Amino acid sequence: MAVVAAGVVGMGASVSRNAIAQMTVPALTSVSLRGAAVAGHSIAVPLMIPEPTPVDRSQGFVELRGAVVLLVRSNVPWTLSVRVLEPEVSGTIQARVGEGPYLPVGVEGVSFTGGGFGQYEVAVNFRIPLTGAWTGRTVTLVYTVVGR
């Protein structure tokens, strides 16, 4: 008797059996600061808010384009959210990706971008109104990626 592929051959008779195997690949998502070795579902990133320039003062806000560049890796569709750790700046700092609308960032967090499976560089823009004493200080932003 010899085993051949999926069937068994013996003395002129053959027997075939079909089987169905199922495998589930777990959703894997991670976010990291571009160039950093540390990645996870969430990362904390400090953001230094500079003193306003004369242009910032005329606009009424400080705009930081591409201030943080993240690397998102995922084998499923994903969403990325951001939140601040400091309650006193909750809702003051605004974030966006690309040319989309600025969204207020609070302690609860806000989902502001997403994508499909693969690897993505996400450049985050910020806008900080000059209505508070937020310039010249550092705030901590926590980015979280979740598979959908």
N, C-alpha and C. Protein backbone atom coordinates (compact mmCIF):
# COMPACT_ATOMS: atom_id res chain seq x y z
N MET A 1 0.85 -1.16 0.00
CA MET A 1 0.00 0.00 0.00
C MET A 1 0.90 1.23 0.00
N ALA A 2 0.54 2.23 -0.84
CA ALA A 2 1.33 3.46 -0.93
C ALA A 2 0.41 4.65 -0.76
N VAL A 3 0.90 5.70 -0.14
CA VAL A 3 0.14 6.93 0.03
C VAL A 3 0.48 7.83 -1.15
N VAL A 4 -0.56 8.26 -1.89
CA VAL A 4 -0.36 9.13 -3.04
C VAL A 4 -1.24 10.35 -2.87
N ALA A 5 -0.64 11.53 -2.77
CA ALA A 5 -1.33 12.81 -2.65
C ALA A 5 -2.44 12.70 -1.61
N ALA A 6 -3.71 12.91 -2.05
CA ALA A 6 -4.81 12.90 -1.10
C ALA A 6 -5.55 11.58 -1.10
N GLY A 7 -5.10 10.63 -1.88
CA GLY A 7 -5.81 9.36 -1.95
C GLY A 7 -4.91 8.22 -1.52
N VAL A 8 -5.51 7.07 -1.36
CA VAL A 8 -4.76 5.86 -1.01
C VAL A 8 -4.97 4.88 -2.14
N VAL A 9 -3.86 4.31 -2.65
CA VAL A 9 -3.94 3.36 -3.75
C VAL A 9 -3.53 2.00 -3.20
N GLY A 10 -4.31 0.97 -3.55
CA GLY A 10 -3.93 -0.37 -3.10
C GLY A 10 -4.63 -1.42 -3.93
N MET A 11 -3.94 -2.33 -4.43
CA MET A 11 -4.46 -3.49 -5.15
C MET A 11 -5.55 -3.13 -6.14
N GLY A 12 -5.37 -2.08 -6.93
CA GLY A 12 -6.31 -1.74 -7.98
C GLY A 12 -7.48 -0.89 -7.53
N ALA A 13 -7.63 -0.59 -6.26
CA ALA A 13 -8.74 0.23 -5.78
C ALA A 13 -8.16 1.51 -5.19
N SER A 14 -8.89 2.59 -5.34
CA SER A 14 -8.42 3.82 -4.73
C SER A 14 -9.54 4.40 -3.87
N VAL A 15 -9.13 5.08 -2.84
CA VAL A 15 -10.08 5.70 -1.92
C VAL A 15 -9.66 7.16 -1.75
N SER A 16 -10.59 8.08 -1.92
CA SER A 16 -10.32 9.51 -1.71
C SER A 16 -11.16 10.02 -0.56
N ARG A 17 -10.59 10.93 0.16
CA ARG A 17 -11.32 11.58 1.24
C ARG A 17 -11.07 13.08 1.12
N ASN A 18 -12.11 13.86 1.23
CA ASN A 18 -11.99 15.30 1.24
C ASN A 18 -12.10 15.80 2.67
N ALA A 19 -11.36 16.82 2.94
CA ALA A 19 -11.42 17.42 4.27
C ALA A 19 -11.40 18.94 4.11
N ILE A 20 -12.07 19.62 5.00
CA ILE A 20 -12.07 21.08 5.00
C ILE A 20 -11.34 21.53 6.26
N ALA A 21 -10.36 22.35 6.07
CA ALA A 21 -9.63 22.90 7.22
C ALA A 21 -9.91 24.39 7.30
N GLN A 22 -10.19 24.87 8.47
CA GLN A 22 -10.42 26.29 8.68
C GLN A 22 -9.32 26.84 9.57
N MET A 23 -8.91 28.05 9.23
CA MET A 23 -7.89 28.71 10.02
C MET A 23 -8.28 30.17 10.18
N THR A 24 -8.18 30.67 11.37
CA THR A 24 -8.47 32.07 11.63
C THR A 24 -7.17 32.80 11.93
N VAL A 25 -6.91 33.84 11.15
CA VAL A 25 -5.73 34.66 11.38
C VAL A 25 -6.17 35.81 12.29
N PRO A 26 -5.51 35.97 13.44
CA PRO A 26 -5.92 37.04 14.35
C PRO A 26 -5.62 38.42 13.76
N ALA A 27 -6.44 39.39 14.14
CA ALA A 27 -6.21 40.77 13.71
C ALA A 27 -4.96 41.28 14.42
N LEU A 28 -4.02 41.78 13.63
CA LEU A 28 -2.79 42.32 14.18
C LEU A 28 -2.67 43.78 13.74
N THR A 29 -2.61 44.68 14.71
CA THR A 29 -2.46 46.11 14.42
C THR A 29 -1.39 46.67 15.35
N SER A 30 -0.64 47.65 14.84
CA SER A 30 0.33 48.34 15.70
C SER A 30 0.54 49.75 15.18
N VAL A 31 0.94 50.62 16.09
CA VAL A 31 1.26 52.00 15.74
C VAL A 31 2.60 52.32 16.41
N SER A 32 3.43 53.07 15.69
CA SER A 32 4.71 53.51 16.24
C SER A 32 5.03 54.89 15.70
N LEU A 33 5.92 55.55 16.37
CA LEU A 33 6.45 56.81 15.88
C LEU A 33 7.43 56.44 14.77
N ARG A 34 7.36 57.12 13.62
CA ARG A 34 8.24 56.76 12.51
C ARG A 34 9.69 56.78 12.98
N GLY A 35 10.40 55.70 12.69
CA GLY A 35 11.80 55.59 13.07
C GLY A 35 12.04 55.02 14.45
N ALA A 36 10.99 54.84 15.24
CA ALA A 36 11.15 54.30 16.60
C ALA A 36 11.01 52.78 16.58
N ALA A 37 11.68 52.13 17.50
CA ALA A 37 11.62 50.67 17.57
C ALA A 37 10.40 50.19 18.35
N VAL A 38 9.84 51.03 19.19
CA VAL A 38 8.71 50.63 20.04
C VAL A 38 7.40 50.79 19.29
N ALA A 39 6.60 49.72 19.28
CA ALA A 39 5.28 49.75 18.63
C ALA A 39 4.30 49.02 19.54
N GLY A 40 3.03 49.34 19.39
CA GLY A 40 1.99 48.67 20.16
C GLY A 40 0.63 49.13 19.70
N HIS A 41 -0.40 48.74 20.42
CA HIS A 41 -1.75 49.20 20.08
C HIS A 41 -1.91 50.67 20.44
N SER A 42 -1.17 51.13 21.45
CA SER A 42 -1.19 52.53 21.87
C SER A 42 0.23 52.99 22.14
N ILE A 43 0.49 54.26 21.80
CA ILE A 43 1.77 54.86 22.14
C ILE A 43 1.53 56.29 22.62
N ALA A 44 2.36 56.74 23.54
CA ALA A 44 2.29 58.11 24.05
C ALA A 44 3.41 58.91 23.40
N VAL A 45 3.07 60.10 22.88
CA VAL A 45 4.03 60.94 22.18
C VAL A 45 3.94 62.36 22.73
N PRO A 46 5.05 62.92 23.19
CA PRO A 46 5.02 64.32 23.64
C PRO A 46 4.96 65.26 22.45
N LEU A 47 4.23 66.36 22.59
CA LEU A 47 4.12 67.38 21.56
C LEU A 47 4.46 68.73 22.19
N MET A 48 5.53 69.34 21.70
CA MET A 48 5.93 70.67 22.17
C MET A 48 5.15 71.71 21.37
N ILE A 49 4.43 72.56 22.07
CA ILE A 49 3.68 73.63 21.41
C ILE A 49 4.54 74.88 21.46
N PRO A 50 5.02 75.34 20.31
CA PRO A 50 5.95 76.47 20.31
C PRO A 50 5.25 77.79 20.62
N GLU A 51 6.07 78.77 20.95
CA GLU A 51 5.55 80.14 21.11
C GLU A 51 5.05 80.61 19.75
N PRO A 52 3.97 81.39 19.71
CA PRO A 52 3.41 81.82 18.43
C PRO A 52 4.31 82.83 17.70
N THR A 53 4.29 82.73 16.38
CA THR A 53 4.98 83.70 15.53
C THR A 53 4.02 84.85 15.26
N PRO A 54 4.48 85.94 14.64
CA PRO A 54 3.55 87.01 14.26
C PRO A 54 2.44 86.52 13.33
N VAL A 55 2.76 85.59 12.43
CA VAL A 55 1.72 85.04 11.54
C VAL A 55 0.69 84.27 12.36
N ASP A 56 1.16 83.46 13.32
CA ASP A 56 0.25 82.71 14.20
C ASP A 56 -0.69 83.68 14.94
N ARG A 57 -0.12 84.76 15.46
CA ARG A 57 -0.93 85.74 16.20
C ARG A 57 -2.00 86.36 15.31
N SER A 58 -1.65 86.64 14.05
CA SER A 58 -2.63 87.24 13.14
C SER A 58 -3.74 86.25 12.79
N GLN A 59 -3.42 84.95 12.75
CA GLN A 59 -4.42 83.91 12.46
C GLN A 59 -5.24 83.54 13.69
N GLY A 60 -4.65 83.74 14.87
CA GLY A 60 -5.33 83.37 16.10
C GLY A 60 -5.06 81.94 16.54
N PHE A 61 -4.12 81.27 15.90
CA PHE A 61 -3.78 79.89 16.27
C PHE A 61 -2.38 79.54 15.79
N VAL A 62 -1.81 78.51 16.43
CA VAL A 62 -0.56 77.91 15.99
C VAL A 62 -0.92 76.68 15.19
N GLU A 63 -0.36 76.56 13.99
CA GLU A 63 -0.60 75.36 13.17
C GLU A 63 0.71 74.61 13.02
N LEU A 64 0.68 73.32 13.34
CA LEU A 64 1.86 72.45 13.24
C LEU A 64 1.56 71.38 12.21
N ARG A 65 2.07 71.56 11.01
CA ARG A 65 1.81 70.62 9.92
C ARG A 65 2.85 69.49 9.96
N GLY A 66 2.35 68.24 9.95
CA GLY A 66 3.23 67.08 9.98
C GLY A 66 4.07 67.00 11.24
N ALA A 67 3.53 67.51 12.35
CA ALA A 67 4.28 67.56 13.61
C ALA A 67 4.62 66.18 14.15
N VAL A 68 3.76 65.21 13.88
CA VAL A 68 3.99 63.83 14.31
C VAL A 68 3.75 62.93 13.10
N VAL A 69 4.70 62.04 12.85
CA VAL A 69 4.53 61.07 11.76
C VAL A 69 4.54 59.68 12.38
N LEU A 70 3.44 58.97 12.19
CA LEU A 70 3.25 57.65 12.76
C LEU A 70 3.34 56.59 11.67
N LEU A 71 3.66 55.38 12.07
CA LEU A 71 3.66 54.23 11.16
C LEU A 71 2.62 53.25 11.70
N VAL A 72 1.60 52.97 10.89
CA VAL A 72 0.55 52.02 11.27
C VAL A 72 0.72 50.77 10.42
N ARG A 73 0.72 49.62 11.08
CA ARG A 73 0.78 48.33 10.39
C ARG A 73 -0.43 47.52 10.82
N SER A 74 -1.09 46.90 9.83
CA SER A 74 -2.29 46.14 10.17
C SER A 74 -2.58 45.09 9.09
N ASN A 75 -3.15 43.97 9.51
CA ASN A 75 -3.60 42.97 8.54
C ASN A 75 -5.12 42.99 8.39
N VAL A 76 -5.77 44.01 8.96
CA VAL A 76 -7.21 44.21 8.84
C VAL A 76 -7.47 45.71 8.68
N PRO A 77 -8.65 46.11 8.22
CA PRO A 77 -8.98 47.54 8.22
C PRO A 77 -8.87 48.09 9.65
N TRP A 78 -8.48 49.37 9.79
CA TRP A 78 -8.19 49.93 11.10
C TRP A 78 -8.65 51.37 11.20
N THR A 79 -8.77 51.84 12.45
CA THR A 79 -9.00 53.25 12.73
C THR A 79 -7.96 53.70 13.74
N LEU A 80 -7.58 54.97 13.65
CA LEU A 80 -6.59 55.55 14.55
C LEU A 80 -7.25 56.67 15.33
N SER A 81 -7.08 56.64 16.64
CA SER A 81 -7.64 57.70 17.48
C SER A 81 -6.50 58.36 18.26
N VAL A 82 -6.79 59.56 18.75
CA VAL A 82 -5.82 60.30 19.54
C VAL A 82 -6.56 60.92 20.73
N ARG A 83 -5.87 61.00 21.88
CA ARG A 83 -6.42 61.66 23.06
C ARG A 83 -5.28 62.36 23.79
N VAL A 84 -5.64 63.35 24.59
CA VAL A 84 -4.65 64.05 25.42
C VAL A 84 -4.70 63.48 26.83
N LEU A 85 -3.56 63.50 27.50
CA LEU A 85 -3.52 63.05 28.90
C LEU A 85 -3.87 64.17 29.86
N GLU A 86 -3.58 65.41 29.49
CA GLU A 86 -3.78 66.55 30.38
C GLU A 86 -5.21 67.08 30.24
N PRO A 87 -6.04 66.95 31.27
CA PRO A 87 -7.43 67.38 31.17
C PRO A 87 -7.58 68.88 30.89
N GLU A 88 -6.63 69.69 31.33
CA GLU A 88 -6.76 71.14 31.15
C GLU A 88 -6.65 71.57 29.68
N VAL A 89 -6.11 70.73 28.80
CA VAL A 89 -6.04 71.08 27.37
C VAL A 89 -7.07 70.30 26.55
N SER A 90 -7.90 69.51 27.22
CA SER A 90 -8.91 68.70 26.54
C SER A 90 -9.83 69.57 25.69
N GLY A 91 -9.93 69.24 24.42
CA GLY A 91 -10.80 69.98 23.50
C GLY A 91 -10.17 71.21 22.89
N THR A 92 -9.00 71.62 23.39
CA THR A 92 -8.34 72.82 22.87
C THR A 92 -7.49 72.49 21.65
N ILE A 93 -6.70 71.43 21.76
CA ILE A 93 -5.85 71.00 20.64
C ILE A 93 -6.73 70.31 19.61
N GLN A 94 -6.48 70.63 18.34
CA GLN A 94 -7.23 70.02 17.25
C GLN A 94 -6.25 69.26 16.36
N ALA A 95 -6.70 68.12 15.80
CA ALA A 95 -5.83 67.29 14.96
C ALA A 95 -6.54 66.92 13.67
N ARG A 96 -5.74 66.67 12.64
CA ARG A 96 -6.26 66.17 11.36
C ARG A 96 -5.14 65.46 10.62
N VAL A 97 -5.55 64.68 9.63
CA VAL A 97 -4.63 64.04 8.70
C VAL A 97 -4.95 64.60 7.32
N GLY A 98 -3.92 64.97 6.57
CA GLY A 98 -4.14 65.53 5.24
C GLY A 98 -4.84 66.87 5.32
N GLU A 99 -5.80 67.06 4.43
CA GLU A 99 -6.54 68.32 4.38
C GLU A 99 -7.95 68.18 4.94
N GLY A 100 -8.19 67.12 5.70
CA GLY A 100 -9.51 66.92 6.31
C GLY A 100 -9.78 67.97 7.37
N PRO A 101 -10.97 67.91 7.96
CA PRO A 101 -11.31 68.90 8.99
C PRO A 101 -10.52 68.66 10.27
N TYR A 102 -10.22 69.75 10.96
CA TYR A 102 -9.60 69.63 12.28
C TYR A 102 -10.67 69.17 13.27
N LEU A 103 -10.30 68.21 14.13
CA LEU A 103 -11.21 67.69 15.15
C LEU A 103 -10.62 67.96 16.53
N PRO A 104 -11.46 68.39 17.49
CA PRO A 104 -10.94 68.63 18.84
C PRO A 104 -10.51 67.32 19.50
N VAL A 105 -9.38 67.36 20.17
CA VAL A 105 -8.83 66.18 20.84
C VAL A 105 -9.06 66.35 22.34
N GLY A 106 -9.76 65.38 22.93
CA GLY A 106 -10.05 65.43 24.35
C GLY A 106 -9.44 64.25 25.08
N VAL A 107 -9.77 64.14 26.35
CA VAL A 107 -9.26 63.02 27.15
C VAL A 107 -9.95 61.71 26.77
N GLU A 108 -11.11 61.80 26.14
CA GLU A 108 -11.82 60.60 25.69
C GLU A 108 -11.28 60.09 24.37
N GLY A 109 -10.66 60.94 23.60
CA GLY A 109 -10.10 60.53 22.32
C GLY A 109 -11.08 60.73 21.18
N VAL A 110 -10.51 60.82 19.98
CA VAL A 110 -11.30 61.00 18.77
C VAL A 110 -10.65 60.19 17.65
N SER A 111 -11.48 59.43 16.91
CA SER A 111 -10.99 58.71 15.74
C SER A 111 -10.88 59.71 14.60
N PHE A 112 -9.69 59.77 13.99
CA PHE A 112 -9.51 60.79 12.97
C PHE A 112 -8.96 60.28 11.65
N THR A 113 -8.65 59.00 11.54
CA THR A 113 -8.24 58.44 10.25
C THR A 113 -8.31 56.93 10.33
N GLY A 114 -8.16 56.29 9.19
CA GLY A 114 -8.18 54.84 9.13
C GLY A 114 -7.69 54.37 7.78
N GLY A 115 -7.66 53.06 7.62
CA GLY A 115 -7.19 52.50 6.35
C GLY A 115 -7.46 51.02 6.27
N GLY A 116 -6.96 50.42 5.21
CA GLY A 116 -7.10 48.98 4.99
C GLY A 116 -5.88 48.25 5.52
N PHE A 117 -5.73 47.00 5.10
CA PHE A 117 -4.57 46.26 5.57
C PHE A 117 -3.31 46.77 4.87
N GLY A 118 -2.19 46.67 5.56
CA GLY A 118 -0.93 47.13 4.99
C GLY A 118 -0.18 48.00 5.98
N GLN A 119 0.77 48.76 5.43
CA GLN A 119 1.59 49.66 6.23
C GLN A 119 1.36 51.08 5.74
N TYR A 120 1.13 52.01 6.67
CA TYR A 120 0.80 53.39 6.32
C TYR A 120 1.65 54.37 7.14
N GLU A 121 2.12 55.43 6.50
CA GLU A 121 2.69 56.56 7.22
C GLU A 121 1.57 57.58 7.38
N VAL A 122 1.37 58.02 8.60
CA VAL A 122 0.30 58.96 8.91
C VAL A 122 0.92 60.24 9.48
N ALA A 123 0.88 61.33 8.71
CA ALA A 123 1.38 62.62 9.17
C ALA A 123 0.23 63.38 9.81
N VAL A 124 0.40 63.75 11.07
CA VAL A 124 -0.66 64.40 11.83
C VAL A 124 -0.37 65.90 11.93
N ASN A 125 -1.38 66.70 11.59
CA ASN A 125 -1.32 68.16 11.71
C ASN A 125 -2.08 68.57 12.96
N PHE A 126 -1.62 69.65 13.60
CA PHE A 126 -2.29 70.15 14.79
C PHE A 126 -2.57 71.64 14.64
N ARG A 127 -3.64 72.07 15.30
CA ARG A 127 -3.95 73.49 15.39
C ARG A 127 -4.32 73.78 16.84
N ILE A 128 -3.67 74.81 17.39
CA ILE A 128 -3.89 75.17 18.79
C ILE A 128 -4.31 76.64 18.83
N PRO A 129 -5.56 76.92 19.20
CA PRO A 129 -6.01 78.32 19.31
C PRO A 129 -5.21 79.07 20.37
N LEU A 130 -5.01 80.36 20.17
CA LEU A 130 -4.24 81.17 21.10
C LEU A 130 -5.09 81.72 22.24
N THR A 131 -6.23 81.10 22.49
CA THR A 131 -7.13 81.58 23.54
C THR A 131 -6.69 81.17 24.93
N GLY A 132 -5.78 80.21 25.05
CA GLY A 132 -5.30 79.77 26.37
C GLY A 132 -3.80 79.92 26.47
N ALA A 133 -3.28 79.53 27.58
CA ALA A 133 -1.83 79.61 27.82
C ALA A 133 -1.18 78.28 27.48
N TRP A 134 -1.43 77.77 26.27
CA TRP A 134 -0.95 76.44 25.90
C TRP A 134 0.39 76.48 25.20
N THR A 135 0.78 77.62 24.65
CA THR A 135 2.04 77.66 23.92
C THR A 135 3.22 77.65 24.88
N GLY A 136 4.35 77.13 24.38
CA GLY A 136 5.55 77.05 25.20
C GLY A 136 5.54 75.88 26.17
N ARG A 137 4.64 74.96 26.00
CA ARG A 137 4.59 73.80 26.90
C ARG A 137 4.50 72.51 26.10
N THR A 138 4.68 71.42 26.77
CA THR A 138 4.61 70.10 26.13
C THR A 138 3.38 69.38 26.66
N VAL A 139 2.62 68.78 25.75
CA VAL A 139 1.46 67.96 26.13
C VAL A 139 1.71 66.54 25.62
N THR A 140 1.06 65.58 26.25
CA THR A 140 1.22 64.18 25.87
C THR A 140 -0.02 63.72 25.13
N LEU A 141 0.19 63.20 23.93
CA LEU A 141 -0.89 62.66 23.11
C LEU A 141 -0.74 61.14 23.04
N VAL A 142 -1.85 60.43 23.19
CA VAL A 142 -1.84 58.98 23.11
C VAL A 142 -2.58 58.56 21.85
N TYR A 143 -1.88 57.82 20.99
CA TYR A 143 -2.45 57.34 19.73
C TYR A 143 -2.78 55.86 19.91
N THR A 144 -3.97 55.46 19.46
CA THR A 144 -4.42 54.07 19.60
C THR A 144 -4.94 53.60 18.26
N VAL A 145 -4.48 52.43 17.81
CA VAL A 145 -4.97 51.84 16.57
C VAL A 145 -5.83 50.63 16.93
N VAL A 146 -6.97 50.51 16.25
CA VAL A 146 -7.91 49.41 16.52
C VAL A 146 -8.32 48.80 15.20
N GLY A 147 -8.28 47.49 15.11
CA GLY A 147 -8.78 46.79 13.93
C GLY A 147 -10.28 46.79 13.91
N ARG A 148 -10.85 46.94 12.70
CA ARG A 148 -12.32 46.95 12.58
C ARG A 148 -12.82 45.59 12.17
